[in-house]
């Protein structure tokens, strides 16, 4: 018959080591979940951006006809010279919501049929 004696010093360390090991496991699990959450937020951000672009494109299709043109030169902060695809060149304004930094020479734009304002 085998008898085991329990040393009080050893039995006191085991629960402590077990608690530390459990703590380490939980920390690793937390880091993994945090990384997955970060990835999901990034995916959500890109999907939201894609959705907004699709909505914008859909609105463009539903709106009244527009003329396609190309920016030739920026005259002032709000005025541009645009060459329409059907030939003539126009000095046009720009919608307020539009990012004017993106309107560089060579950029294709959509002009409103009646006011010839750069819409997108």
PDB file of N, CA and C in Angstrom:
ATOM      1  N   UNK A   1       0.835  -1.173   0.000  1.00  0.00           N
ATOM      2  CA  UNK A   1       0.000   0.000   0.000  1.00  0.00           C
ATOM      3  C   UNK A   1       0.879   1.236   0.000  1.00  0.00           C
ATOM      4  N   UNK A   2       0.551   2.154  -0.864  1.00  0.00           N
ATOM      5  CA  UNK A   2       1.354   3.356  -1.009  1.00  0.00           C
ATOM      6  C   UNK A   2       0.666   4.469  -0.240  1.00  0.00           C
ATOM      7  N   UNK A   3       1.462   5.162   0.503  1.00  0.00           N
ATOM      8  CA  UNK A   3       0.905   6.293   1.247  1.00  0.00           C
ATOM      9  C   UNK A   3       1.540   7.561   0.727  1.00  0.00           C
ATOM     10  N   UNK A   4       0.738   8.543   0.589  1.00  0.00           N
ATOM     11  CA  UNK A   4       1.270   9.826   0.145  1.00  0.00           C
ATOM     12  C   UNK A   4       1.055  10.828   1.255  1.00  0.00           C
ATOM     13  N   UNK A   5       2.070  11.578   1.441  1.00  0.00           N
ATOM     14  CA  UNK A   5       1.956  12.630   2.450  1.00  0.00           C
ATOM     15  C   UNK A   5       1.854  13.951   1.717  1.00  0.00           C
ATOM     16  N   UNK A   6       0.986  14.744   2.168  1.00  0.00           N
ATOM     17  CA  UNK A   6       0.831  16.045   1.531  1.00  0.00           C
ATOM     18  C   UNK A   6       1.612  17.060   2.322  1.00  0.00           C
ATOM     19  N   UNK A   7       2.501  17.682   1.633  1.00  0.00           N
ATOM     20  CA  UNK A   7       3.311  18.721   2.243  1.00  0.00           C
ATOM     21  C   UNK A   7       2.512  20.017   2.169  1.00  0.00           C
ATOM     22  N   UNK A   8       2.308  20.712   3.281  1.00  0.00           N
ATOM     23  CA  UNK A   8       1.507  21.936   3.248  1.00  0.00           C
ATOM     24  C   UNK A   8       2.115  23.009   2.345  1.00  0.00           C
ATOM     25  N   UNK A   9       3.430  23.054   2.219  1.00  0.00           N
ATOM     26  CA  UNK A   9       4.068  24.064   1.371  1.00  0.00           C
ATOM     27  C   UNK A   9       3.763  23.790  -0.098  1.00  0.00           C
ATOM     28  N   UNK A  10       3.773  22.499  -0.515  1.00  0.00           N
ATOM     29  CA  UNK A  10       3.513  22.134  -1.903  1.00  0.00           C
ATOM     30  C   UNK A  10       2.041  22.366  -2.251  1.00  0.00           C
ATOM     31  N   UNK A  11       1.142  21.996  -1.356  1.00  0.00           N
ATOM     32  CA  UNK A  11      -0.277  22.165  -1.640  1.00  0.00           C
ATOM     33  C   UNK A  11      -0.674  23.641  -1.665  1.00  0.00           C
ATOM     34  N   UNK A  12       0.064  24.487  -0.969  1.00  0.00           N
ATOM     35  CA  UNK A  12      -0.229  25.923  -0.985  1.00  0.00           C
ATOM     36  C   UNK A  12       0.229  26.550  -2.303  1.00  0.00           C
ATOM     37  N   UNK A  13       1.284  25.999  -2.912  1.00  0.00           N
ATOM     38  CA  UNK A  13       1.804  26.551  -4.154  1.00  0.00           C
ATOM     39  C   UNK A  13       0.945  26.123  -5.339  1.00  0.00           C
ATOM     40  N   UNK A  14       0.453  24.904  -5.335  1.00  0.00           N
ATOM     41  CA  UNK A  14      -0.323  24.399  -6.464  1.00  0.00           C
ATOM     42  C   UNK A  14      -1.554  25.245  -6.794  1.00  0.00           C
ATOM     43  N   UNK A  15      -2.378  25.617  -5.839  1.00  0.00           N
ATOM     44  CA  UNK A  15      -3.518  26.475  -6.188  1.00  0.00           C
ATOM     45  C   UNK A  15      -3.063  27.825  -6.748  1.00  0.00           C
ATOM     46  N   UNK A  16      -1.967  28.326  -6.228  1.00  0.00           N
ATOM     47  CA  UNK A  16      -1.439  29.606  -6.719  1.00  0.00           C
ATOM     48  C   UNK A  16      -0.972  29.456  -8.169  1.00  0.00           C
ATOM     49  N   UNK A  17      -0.230  28.387  -8.445  1.00  0.00           N
ATOM     50  CA  UNK A  17       0.239  28.148  -9.815  1.00  0.00           C
ATOM     51  C   UNK A  17      -0.939  27.904 -10.760  1.00  0.00           C
ATOM     52  N   UNK A  18      -1.929  27.187 -10.270  1.00  0.00           N
ATOM     53  CA  UNK A  18      -3.115  26.931 -11.085  1.00  0.00           C
ATOM     54  C   UNK A  18      -3.834  28.245 -11.393  1.00  0.00           C
ATOM     55  N   UNK A  19      -3.952  29.103 -10.414  1.00  0.00           N
ATOM     56  CA  UNK A  19      -4.608  30.398 -10.622  1.00  0.00           C
ATOM     57  C   UNK A  19      -3.817  31.247 -11.615  1.00  0.00           C
ATOM     58  N   UNK A  20      -2.493  31.221 -11.500  1.00  0.00           N
ATOM     59  CA  UNK A  20      -1.653  31.972 -12.436  1.00  0.00           C
ATOM     60  C   UNK A  20      -1.795  31.434 -13.856  1.00  0.00           C
ATOM     61  N   UNK A  21      -1.830  30.130 -13.985  1.00  0.00           N
ATOM     62  CA  UNK A  21      -1.984  29.509 -15.300  1.00  0.00           C
ATOM     63  C   UNK A  21      -3.345  29.867 -15.908  1.00  0.00           C
ATOM     64  N   UNK A  22      -4.394  29.812 -15.086  1.00  0.00           N
ATOM     65  CA  UNK A  22      -5.728  30.208 -15.563  1.00  0.00           C
ATOM     66  C   UNK A  22      -5.733  31.671 -15.994  1.00  0.00           C
ATOM     67  N   UNK A  23      -5.063  32.506 -15.217  1.00  0.00           N
ATOM     68  CA  UNK A  23      -4.980  33.936 -15.529  1.00  0.00           C
ATOM     69  C   UNK A  23      -4.278  34.153 -16.868  1.00  0.00           C
ATOM     70  N   UNK A  24      -3.167  33.446 -17.084  1.00  0.00           N
ATOM     71  CA  UNK A  24      -2.435  33.565 -18.353  1.00  0.00           C
ATOM     72  C   UNK A  24      -3.315  33.135 -19.531  1.00  0.00           C
ATOM     73  N   UNK A  25      -4.056  32.044 -19.343  1.00  0.00           N
ATOM     74  CA  UNK A  25      -4.944  31.565 -20.403  1.00  0.00           C
ATOM     75  C   UNK A  25      -6.013  32.607 -20.730  1.00  0.00           C
ATOM     76  N   UNK A  26      -6.580  33.192 -19.693  1.00  0.00           N
ATOM     77  CA  UNK A  26      -7.625  34.204 -19.901  1.00  0.00           C
ATOM     78  C   UNK A  26      -7.057  35.438 -20.599  1.00  0.00           C
ATOM     79  N   UNK A  27      -5.840  35.816 -20.262  1.00  0.00           N
ATOM     80  CA  UNK A  27      -5.209  36.977 -20.919  1.00  0.00           C
ATOM     81  C   UNK A  27      -4.991  36.680 -22.401  1.00  0.00           C
ATOM     82  N   UNK A  28      -4.513  35.491 -22.723  1.00  0.00           N
ATOM     83  CA  UNK A  28      -4.310  35.115 -24.125  1.00  0.00           C
ATOM     84  C   UNK A  28      -5.652  35.097 -24.870  1.00  0.00           C
ATOM     85  N   UNK A  29      -6.674  34.551 -24.228  1.00  0.00           N
ATOM     86  CA  UNK A  29      -8.004  34.510 -24.834  1.00  0.00           C
ATOM     87  C   UNK A  29      -8.520  35.932 -25.076  1.00  0.00           C
ATOM     88  N   UNK A  30      -8.287  36.804 -24.108  1.00  0.00           N
ATOM     89  CA  UNK A  30      -8.711  38.208 -24.236  1.00  0.00           C
ATOM     90  C   UNK A  30      -8.005  38.878 -25.414  1.00  0.00           C
ATOM     91  N   UNK A  31      -6.707  38.641 -25.563  1.00  0.00           N
ATOM     92  CA  UNK A  31      -5.951  39.237 -26.672  1.00  0.00           C
ATOM     93  C   UNK A  31      -6.464  38.737 -28.019  1.00  0.00           C
ATOM     94  N   UNK A  32      -6.779  37.447 -28.101  1.00  0.00           N
ATOM     95  CA  UNK A  32      -7.305  36.887 -29.348  1.00  0.00           C
ATOM     96  C   UNK A  32      -8.660  37.504 -29.705  1.00  0.00           C
ATOM     97  N   UNK A  33      -9.521  37.625 -28.710  1.00  0.00           N
ATOM     98  CA  UNK A  33     -10.845  38.217 -28.946  1.00  0.00           C
ATOM     99  C   UNK A  33     -10.703  39.677 -29.335  1.00  0.00           C
ATOM    100  N   UNK A  34      -9.781  40.383 -28.692  1.00  0.00           N
ATOM    101  CA  UNK A  34      -9.543  41.789 -29.013  1.00  0.00           C
ATOM    102  C   UNK A  34      -9.053  41.943 -30.457  1.00  0.00           C
ATOM    103  N   UNK A  35      -8.182  41.043 -30.902  1.00  0.00           N
ATOM    104  CA  UNK A  35      -7.683  41.087 -32.279  1.00  0.00           C
ATOM    105  C   UNK A  35      -8.820  40.816 -33.271  1.00  0.00           C
ATOM    106  N   UNK A  36      -9.684  39.855 -32.940  1.00  0.00           N
ATOM    107  CA  UNK A  36     -10.828  39.569 -33.818  1.00  0.00           C
ATOM    108  C   UNK A  36     -11.774  40.760 -33.888  1.00  0.00           C
ATOM    109  N   UNK A  37     -11.997  41.412 -32.749  1.00  0.00           N
ATOM    110  CA  UNK A  37     -12.867  42.589 -32.710  1.00  0.00           C
ATOM    111  C   UNK A  37     -12.296  43.711 -33.565  1.00  0.00           C
ATOM    112  N   UNK A  38     -10.988  43.916 -33.472  1.00  0.00           N
ATOM    113  CA  UNK A  38     -10.338  44.954 -34.273  1.00  0.00           C
ATOM    114  C   UNK A  38     -10.509  44.658 -35.764  1.00  0.00           C
ATOM    115  N   UNK A  39     -10.338  43.403 -36.156  1.00  0.00           N
ATOM    116  CA  UNK A  39     -10.495  43.000 -37.556  1.00  0.00           C
ATOM    117  C   UNK A  39     -11.935  43.204 -38.019  1.00  0.00           C
ATOM    118  N   UNK A  40     -12.885  42.853 -37.158  1.00  0.00           N
ATOM    119  CA  UNK A  40     -14.297  43.021 -37.522  1.00  0.00           C
ATOM    120  C   UNK A  40     -14.651  44.495 -37.681  1.00  0.00           C
ATOM    121  N   UNK A  41     -14.108  45.346 -36.824  1.00  0.00           N
ATOM    122  CA  UNK A  41     -14.361  46.783 -36.948  1.00  0.00           C
ATOM    123  C   UNK A  41     -13.778  47.322 -38.251  1.00  0.00           C
ATOM    124  N   UNK A  42     -12.599  46.836 -38.601  1.00  0.00           N
ATOM    125  CA  UNK A  42     -11.969  47.241 -39.861  1.00  0.00           C
ATOM    126  C   UNK A  42     -12.817  46.788 -41.053  1.00  0.00           C
ATOM    127  N   UNK A  43     -13.317  45.557 -40.996  1.00  0.00           N
ATOM    128  CA  UNK A  43     -14.187  45.039 -42.056  1.00  0.00           C
ATOM    129  C   UNK A  43     -15.468  45.867 -42.159  1.00  0.00           C
ATOM    130  N   UNK A  44     -16.031  46.209 -41.002  1.00  0.00           N
ATOM    131  CA  UNK A  44     -17.245  47.025 -40.985  1.00  0.00           C
ATOM    132  C   UNK A  44     -16.992  48.384 -41.617  1.00  0.00           C
ATOM    133  N   UNK A  45     -15.846  48.976 -41.305  1.00  0.00           N
ATOM    134  CA  UNK A  45     -15.495  50.282 -41.868  1.00  0.00           C
ATOM    135  C   UNK A  45     -15.400  50.203 -43.390  1.00  0.00           C
ATOM    136  N   UNK A  46     -14.741  49.166 -43.902  1.00  0.00           N
ATOM    137  CA  UNK A  46     -14.593  49.044 -45.358  1.00  0.00           C
ATOM    138  C   UNK A  46     -15.939  48.743 -46.025  1.00  0.00           C
ATOM    139  N   UNK A  47     -16.771  47.929 -45.381  1.00  0.00           N
ATOM    140  CA  UNK A  47     -18.091  47.640 -45.944  1.00  0.00           C
ATOM    141  C   UNK A  47     -18.977  48.883 -45.943  1.00  0.00           C
ATOM    142  N   UNK A  48     -18.871  49.692 -44.895  1.00  0.00           N
ATOM    143  CA  UNK A  48     -19.641  50.934 -44.838  1.00  0.00           C
ATOM    144  C   UNK A  48     -19.213  51.874 -45.948  1.00  0.00           C
ATOM    145  N   UNK A  49     -17.907  51.945 -46.182  1.00  0.00           N
ATOM    146  CA  UNK A  49     -17.390  52.800 -47.250  1.00  0.00           C
ATOM    147  C   UNK A  49     -17.904  52.315 -48.608  1.00  0.00           C
ATOM    148  N   UNK A  50     -17.871  51.014 -48.816  1.00  0.00           N
ATOM    149  CA  UNK A  50     -18.355  50.431 -50.071  1.00  0.00           C
ATOM    150  C   UNK A  50     -19.858  50.675 -50.241  1.00  0.00           C
ATOM    151  N   UNK A  51     -20.607  50.553 -49.147  1.00  0.00           N
ATOM    152  CA  UNK A  51     -22.051  50.795 -49.181  1.00  0.00           C
ATOM    153  C   UNK A  51     -22.340  52.246 -49.553  1.00  0.00           C
ATOM    154  N   UNK A  52     -21.615  53.186 -48.931  1.00  0.00           N
ATOM    155  CA  UNK A  52     -21.820  54.604 -49.231  1.00  0.00           C
ATOM    156  C   UNK A  52     -21.534  54.906 -50.698  1.00  0.00           C
ATOM    157  N   UNK A  53     -20.483  54.292 -51.238  1.00  0.00           N
ATOM    158  CA  UNK A  53     -20.153  54.502 -52.648  1.00  0.00           C
ATOM    159  C   UNK A  53     -21.269  53.951 -53.540  1.00  0.00           C
ATOM    160  N   UNK A  54     -21.791  52.780 -53.194  1.00  0.00           N
ATOM    161  CA  UNK A  54     -22.882  52.187 -53.973  1.00  0.00           C
ATOM    162  C   UNK A  54     -24.130  53.066 -53.918  1.00  0.00           C
ATOM    163  N   UNK A  55     -24.431  53.589 -52.736  1.00  0.00           N
ATOM    164  CA  UNK A  55     -25.581  54.490 -52.591  1.00  0.00           C
ATOM    165  C   UNK A  55     -25.400  55.726 -53.464  1.00  0.00           C
ATOM    166  N   UNK A  56     -24.197  56.267 -53.453  1.00  0.00           N
ATOM    167  CA  UNK A  56     -23.885  57.454 -54.244  1.00  0.00           C
ATOM    168  C   UNK A  56     -24.046  57.159 -55.737  1.00  0.00           C
ATOM    169  N   UNK A  57     -23.547  56.012 -56.171  1.00  0.00           N
ATOM    170  CA  UNK A  57     -23.677  55.619 -57.577  1.00  0.00           C
ATOM    171  C   UNK A  57     -25.143  55.420 -57.962  1.00  0.00           C
ATOM    172  N   UNK A  58     -25.911  54.834 -57.055  1.00  0.00           N
ATOM    173  CA  UNK A  58     -27.332  54.615 -57.315  1.00  0.00           C
ATOM    174  C   UNK A  58     -28.069  55.944 -57.449  1.00  0.00           C
ATOM    175  N   UNK A  59     -27.749  56.892 -56.589  1.00  0.00           N
ATOM    176  CA  UNK A  59     -28.362  58.218 -56.685  1.00  0.00           C
ATOM    177  C   UNK A  59     -28.014  58.876 -58.018  1.00  0.00           C
ATOM    178  N   UNK A  60     -26.787  58.670 -58.468  1.00  0.00           N
ATOM    179  CA  UNK A  60     -26.370  59.248 -59.750  1.00  0.00           C
ATOM    180  C   UNK A  60     -27.182  58.653 -60.896  1.00  0.00           C
ATOM    181  N   UNK A  61     -27.454  57.359 -60.824  1.00  0.00           N
ATOM    182  CA  UNK A  61     -28.240  56.716 -61.876  1.00  0.00           C
ATOM    183  C   UNK A  61     -29.689  57.194 -61.869  1.00  0.00           C
ATOM    184  N   UNK A  62     -30.207  57.493 -60.682  1.00  0.00           N
ATOM    185  CA  UNK A  62     -31.599  57.906 -60.569  1.00  0.00           C
ATOM    186  C   UNK A  62     -31.796  59.385 -60.863  1.00  0.00           C
ATOM    187  N   UNK A  63     -30.732  60.156 -60.814  1.00  0.00           N
ATOM    188  CA  UNK A  63     -30.868  61.600 -60.991  1.00  0.00           C
ATOM    189  C   UNK A  63     -31.070  61.947 -62.466  1.00  0.00           C
ATOM    190  N   UNK A  64     -31.423  63.205 -62.686  1.00  0.00           N
ATOM    191  CA  UNK A  64     -31.624  63.710 -64.040  1.00  0.00           C
ATOM    192  C   UNK A  64     -30.295  63.618 -64.775  1.00  0.00           C
ATOM    193  N   UNK A  65     -30.350  63.468 -66.093  1.00  0.00           N
ATOM    194  CA  UNK A  65     -29.150  63.295 -66.896  1.00  0.00           C
ATOM    195  C   UNK A  65     -28.034  64.272 -66.590  1.00  0.00           C
ATOM    196  N   UNK A  66     -26.837  63.794 -66.694  1.00  0.00           N
ATOM    197  CA  UNK A  66     -25.663  64.615 -66.446  1.00  0.00           C
ATOM    198  C   UNK A  66     -24.708  64.489 -67.621  1.00  0.00           C
ATOM    199  N   UNK A  67     -23.872  65.495 -67.775  1.00  0.00           N
ATOM    200  CA  UNK A  67     -22.880  65.511 -68.843  1.00  0.00           C
ATOM    201  C   UNK A  67     -21.545  65.073 -68.250  1.00  0.00           C
ATOM    202  N   UNK A  68     -20.836  64.220 -68.961  1.00  0.00           N
ATOM    203  CA  UNK A  68     -19.513  63.800 -68.513  1.00  0.00           C
ATOM    204  C   UNK A  68     -18.490  64.778 -69.068  1.00  0.00           C
ATOM    205  N   UNK A  69     -17.543  65.163 -68.226  1.00  0.00           N
ATOM    206  CA  UNK A  69     -16.504  66.083 -68.665  1.00  0.00           C
ATOM    207  C   UNK A  69     -15.186  65.763 -67.999  1.00  0.00           C
ATOM    208  N   UNK A  70     -14.176  66.543 -68.346  1.00  0.00           N
ATOM    209  CA  UNK A  70     -12.840  66.338 -67.788  1.00  0.00           C
ATOM    210  C   UNK A  70     -12.294  67.687 -67.334  1.00  0.00           C
ATOM    211  N   UNK A  71     -11.761  67.719 -66.114  1.00  0.00           N
ATOM    212  CA  UNK A  71     -11.200  68.962 -65.584  1.00  0.00           C
ATOM    213  C   UNK A  71      -9.917  69.272 -66.345  1.00  0.00           C
ATOM    214  N   UNK A  72      -9.827  70.499 -66.862  1.00  0.00           N
ATOM    215  CA  UNK A  72      -8.620  70.928 -67.563  1.00  0.00           C
ATOM    216  C   UNK A  72      -7.732  71.778 -66.661  1.00  0.00           C
ATOM    217  N   UNK A  73      -8.371  72.689 -65.892  1.00  0.00           N
ATOM    218  CA  UNK A  73      -7.584  73.612 -65.081  1.00  0.00           C
ATOM    219  C   UNK A  73      -8.452  74.167 -63.962  1.00  0.00           C
ATOM    220  N   UNK A  74      -7.831  74.448 -62.812  1.00  0.00           N
ATOM    221  CA  UNK A  74      -8.541  75.107 -61.721  1.00  0.00           C
ATOM    222  C   UNK A  74      -8.226  76.592 -61.794  1.00  0.00           C
ATOM    223  N   UNK A  75      -9.264  77.415 -61.915  1.00  0.00           N
ATOM    224  CA  UNK A  75      -9.070  78.862 -62.020  1.00  0.00           C
ATOM    225  C   UNK A  75      -8.979  79.505 -60.639  1.00  0.00           C
ATOM    226  N   UNK A  76     -10.000  79.289 -59.840  1.00  0.00           N
ATOM    227  CA  UNK A  76     -10.015  79.790 -58.464  1.00  0.00           C
ATOM    228  C   UNK A  76     -10.336  78.610 -57.566  1.00  0.00           C
ATOM    229  N   UNK A  77     -10.582  78.914 -56.309  1.00  0.00           N
ATOM    230  CA  UNK A  77     -10.901  77.835 -55.379  1.00  0.00           C
ATOM    231  C   UNK A  77     -12.192  77.115 -55.773  1.00  0.00           C
ATOM    232  N   UNK A  78     -13.138  77.863 -56.353  1.00  0.00           N
ATOM    233  CA  UNK A  78     -14.435  77.284 -56.692  1.00  0.00           C
ATOM    234  C   UNK A  78     -14.705  77.146 -58.188  1.00  0.00           C
ATOM    235  N   UNK A  79     -13.867  77.687 -59.038  1.00  0.00           N
ATOM    236  CA  UNK A  79     -14.125  77.676 -60.484  1.00  0.00           C
ATOM    237  C   UNK A  79     -13.096  76.812 -61.214  1.00  0.00           C
ATOM    238  N   UNK A  80     -13.611  76.047 -62.186  1.00  0.00           N
ATOM    239  CA  UNK A  80     -12.772  75.135 -62.958  1.00  0.00           C
ATOM    240  C   UNK A  80     -13.095  75.274 -64.442  1.00  0.00           C
ATOM    241  N   UNK A  81     -12.104  74.997 -65.283  1.00  0.00           N
ATOM    242  CA  UNK A  81     -12.359  74.872 -66.717  1.00  0.00           C
ATOM    243  C   UNK A  81     -12.535  73.380 -66.975  1.00  0.00           C
ATOM    244  N   UNK A  82     -13.693  73.033 -67.549  1.00  0.00           N
ATOM    245  CA  UNK A  82     -14.020  71.632 -67.802  1.00  0.00           C
ATOM    246  C   UNK A  82     -14.358  71.473 -69.272  1.00  0.00           C
ATOM    247  N   UNK A  83     -13.802  70.429 -69.888  1.00  0.00           N
ATOM    248  CA  UNK A  83     -14.119  70.114 -71.282  1.00  0.00           C
ATOM    249  C   UNK A  83     -15.170  69.009 -71.274  1.00  0.00           C
ATOM    250  N   UNK A  84     -16.321  69.297 -71.851  1.00  0.00           N
ATOM    251  CA  UNK A  84     -17.394  68.302 -71.928  1.00  0.00           C
ATOM    252  C   UNK A  84     -17.059  67.292 -73.018  1.00  0.00           C
ATOM    253  N   UNK A  85     -17.616  66.096 -72.892  1.00  0.00           N
ATOM    254  CA  UNK A  85     -17.338  65.050 -73.885  1.00  0.00           C
ATOM    255  C   UNK A  85     -17.921  65.404 -75.242  1.00  0.00           C
ATOM    256  N   UNK A  86     -18.964  66.247 -75.256  1.00  0.00           N
ATOM    257  CA  UNK A  86     -19.561  66.619 -76.538  1.00  0.00           C
ATOM    258  C   UNK A  86     -18.838  67.800 -77.186  1.00  0.00           C
ATOM    259  N   UNK A  87     -17.719  68.247 -76.626  1.00  0.00           N
ATOM    260  CA  UNK A  87     -16.894  69.240 -77.304  1.00  0.00           C
ATOM    261  C   UNK A  87     -16.550  70.506 -76.559  1.00  0.00           C
ATOM    262  N   UNK A  88     -17.538  71.354 -76.202  1.00  0.00           N
ATOM    263  CA  UNK A  88     -17.201  72.677 -75.679  1.00  0.00           C
ATOM    264  C   UNK A  88     -16.529  72.643 -74.307  1.00  0.00           C
ATOM    265  N   UNK A  89     -15.870  73.756 -74.002  1.00  0.00           N
ATOM    266  CA  UNK A  89     -15.230  73.927 -72.700  1.00  0.00           C
ATOM    267  C   UNK A  89     -16.037  74.946 -71.911  1.00  0.00           C
ATOM    268  N   UNK A  90     -16.185  74.697 -70.624  1.00  0.00           N
ATOM    269  CA  UNK A  90     -16.990  75.563 -69.775  1.00  0.00           C
ATOM    270  C   UNK A  90     -16.196  75.975 -68.538  1.00  0.00           C
ATOM    271  N   UNK A  91     -16.491  77.179 -68.043  1.00  0.00           N
ATOM    272  CA  UNK A  91     -16.023  77.586 -66.717  1.00  0.00           C
ATOM    273  C   UNK A  91     -17.178  77.252 -65.789  1.00  0.00           C
ATOM    274  N   UNK A  92     -16.924  76.348 -64.860  1.00  0.00           N
ATOM    275  CA  UNK A  92     -18.013  75.829 -64.029  1.00  0.00           C
ATOM    276  C   UNK A  92     -17.691  75.971 -62.553  1.00  0.00           C
ATOM    277  N   UNK A  93     -18.755  75.915 -61.760  1.00  0.00           N
ATOM    278  CA  UNK A  93     -18.617  75.897 -60.309  1.00  0.00           C
ATOM    279  C   UNK A  93     -18.607  74.461 -59.817  1.00  0.00           C
ATOM    280  N   UNK A  94     -18.596  74.331 -58.495  1.00  0.00           N
ATOM    281  CA  UNK A  94     -18.484  73.004 -57.900  1.00  0.00           C
ATOM    282  C   UNK A  94     -19.462  72.896 -56.729  1.00  0.00           C
ATOM    283  N   UNK A  95     -20.034  71.730 -56.547  1.00  0.00           N
ATOM    284  CA  UNK A  95     -20.920  71.493 -55.411  1.00  0.00           C
ATOM    285  C   UNK A  95     -20.155  71.668 -54.107  1.00  0.00           C
ATOM    286  N   UNK A  96     -20.794  72.191 -53.090  1.00  0.00           N
ATOM    287  CA  UNK A  96     -20.115  72.449 -51.810  1.00  0.00           C
ATOM    288  C   UNK A  96     -19.636  71.175 -51.129  1.00  0.00           C
ATOM    289  N   UNK A  97     -20.412  70.097 -51.236  1.00  0.00           N
ATOM    290  CA  UNK A  97     -20.072  68.852 -50.551  1.00  0.00           C
ATOM    291  C   UNK A  97     -18.893  68.128 -51.196  1.00  0.00           C
ATOM    292  N   UNK A  98     -18.515  68.529 -52.390  1.00  0.00           N
ATOM    293  CA  UNK A  98     -17.460  67.844 -53.135  1.00  0.00           C
ATOM    294  C   UNK A  98     -16.086  68.253 -52.626  1.00  0.00           C
ATOM    295  N   UNK A  99     -15.177  67.291 -52.530  1.00  0.00           N
ATOM    296  CA  UNK A  99     -13.803  67.563 -52.106  1.00  0.00           C
ATOM    297  C   UNK A  99     -13.038  68.151 -53.290  1.00  0.00           C
ATOM    298  N   UNK A 100     -12.736  69.423 -53.196  1.00  0.00           N
ATOM    299  CA  UNK A 100     -12.092  70.124 -54.315  1.00  0.00           C
ATOM    300  C   UNK A 100     -10.643  69.678 -54.524  1.00  0.00           C
ATOM    301  N   UNK A 101     -10.037  69.080 -53.514  1.00  0.00           N
ATOM    302  CA  UNK A 101      -8.662  68.593 -53.650  1.00  0.00           C
ATOM    303  C   UNK A 101      -8.586  67.441 -54.654  1.00  0.00           C
ATOM    304  N   UNK A 102      -9.686  66.727 -54.824  1.00  0.00           N
ATOM    305  CA  UNK A 102      -9.705  65.600 -55.768  1.00  0.00           C
ATOM    306  C   UNK A 102      -9.875  66.057 -57.213  1.00  0.00           C
ATOM    307  N   UNK A 103     -10.265  67.308 -57.410  1.00  0.00           N
ATOM    308  CA  UNK A 103     -10.501  67.820 -58.766  1.00  0.00           C
ATOM    309  C   UNK A 103      -9.208  68.372 -59.354  1.00  0.00           C
ATOM    310  N   UNK A 104      -8.388  67.491 -59.858  1.00  0.00           N
ATOM    311  CA  UNK A 104      -7.120  67.868 -60.493  1.00  0.00           C
ATOM    312  C   UNK A 104      -7.296  67.769 -62.001  1.00  0.00           C
ATOM    313  N   UNK A 105      -6.409  68.382 -62.771  1.00  0.00           N
ATOM    314  CA  UNK A 105      -6.497  68.240 -64.234  1.00  0.00           C
ATOM    315  C   UNK A 105      -6.479  66.765 -64.641  1.00  0.00           C
ATOM    316  N   UNK A 106      -7.406  66.411 -65.521  1.00  0.00           N
ATOM    317  CA  UNK A 106      -7.508  65.026 -65.984  1.00  0.00           C
ATOM    318  C   UNK A 106      -8.590  64.233 -65.278  1.00  0.00           C
ATOM    319  N   UNK A 107      -9.154  64.771 -64.201  1.00  0.00           N
ATOM    320  CA  UNK A 107     -10.189  64.059 -63.460  1.00  0.00           C
ATOM    321  C   UNK A 107     -11.509  64.098 -64.220  1.00  0.00           C
ATOM    322  N   UNK A 108     -12.167  62.942 -64.333  1.00  0.00           N
ATOM    323  CA  UNK A 108     -13.484  62.898 -64.989  1.00  0.00           C
ATOM    324  C   UNK A 108     -14.532  63.334 -63.986  1.00  0.00           C
ATOM    325  N   UNK A 109     -15.464  64.156 -64.446  1.00  0.00           N
ATOM    326  CA  UNK A 109     -16.504  64.690 -63.576  1.00  0.00           C
ATOM    327  C   UNK A 109     -17.862  64.589 -64.260  1.00  0.00           C
ATOM    328  N   UNK A 110     -18.916  64.705 -63.457  1.00  0.00           N
ATOM    329  CA  UNK A 110     -20.281  64.745 -63.979  1.00  0.00           C
ATOM    330  C   UNK A 110     -20.815  66.154 -63.760  1.00  0.00           C
ATOM    331  N   UNK A 111     -21.317  66.756 -64.838  1.00  0.00           N
ATOM    332  CA  UNK A 111     -21.850  68.116 -64.778  1.00  0.00           C
ATOM    333  C   UNK A 111     -23.372  68.073 -64.821  1.00  0.00           C
ATOM    334  N   UNK A 112     -23.992  68.924 -64.013  1.00  0.00           N
ATOM    335  CA  UNK A 112     -25.444  69.060 -64.048  1.00  0.00           C
ATOM    336  C   UNK A 112     -25.848  69.581 -65.421  1.00  0.00           C
ATOM    337  N   UNK A 113     -26.925  69.043 -65.960  1.00  0.00           N
ATOM    338  CA  UNK A 113     -27.347  69.362 -67.325  1.00  0.00           C
ATOM    339  C   UNK A 113     -27.712  70.843 -67.482  1.00  0.00           C
ATOM    340  N   UNK A 114     -28.358  71.430 -66.484  1.00  0.00           N
ATOM    341  CA  UNK A 114     -28.849  72.805 -66.637  1.00  0.00           C
ATOM    342  C   UNK A 114     -27.861  73.846 -66.131  1.00  0.00           C
ATOM    343  N   UNK A 115     -27.234  73.609 -64.975  1.00  0.00           N
ATOM    344  CA  UNK A 115     -26.357  74.634 -64.381  1.00  0.00           C
ATOM    345  C   UNK A 115     -24.886  74.415 -64.688  1.00  0.00           C
ATOM    346  N   UNK A 116     -24.538  73.251 -65.225  1.00  0.00           N
ATOM    347  CA  UNK A 116     -23.147  72.869 -65.506  1.00  0.00           C
ATOM    348  C   UNK A 116     -22.267  72.918 -64.258  1.00  0.00           C
ATOM    349  N   UNK A 117     -22.851  72.617 -63.116  1.00  0.00           N
ATOM    350  CA  UNK A 117     -22.101  72.529 -61.868  1.00  0.00           C
ATOM    351  C   UNK A 117     -21.494  71.137 -61.761  1.00  0.00           C
ATOM    352  N   UNK A 118     -20.260  71.055 -61.262  1.00  0.00           N
ATOM    353  CA  UNK A 118     -19.628  69.751 -61.057  1.00  0.00           C
ATOM    354  C   UNK A 118     -20.374  69.062 -59.920  1.00  0.00           C
ATOM    355  N   UNK A 119     -20.977  67.922 -60.214  1.00  0.00           N
ATOM    356  CA  UNK A 119     -21.781  67.208 -59.225  1.00  0.00           C
ATOM    357  C   UNK A 119     -21.021  66.068 -58.561  1.00  0.00           C
ATOM    358  N   UNK A 120     -20.134  65.412 -59.306  1.00  0.00           N
ATOM    359  CA  UNK A 120     -19.350  64.313 -58.729  1.00  0.00           C
ATOM    360  C   UNK A 120     -18.075  64.126 -59.503  1.00  0.00           C
TER     361      UNK A 120
END
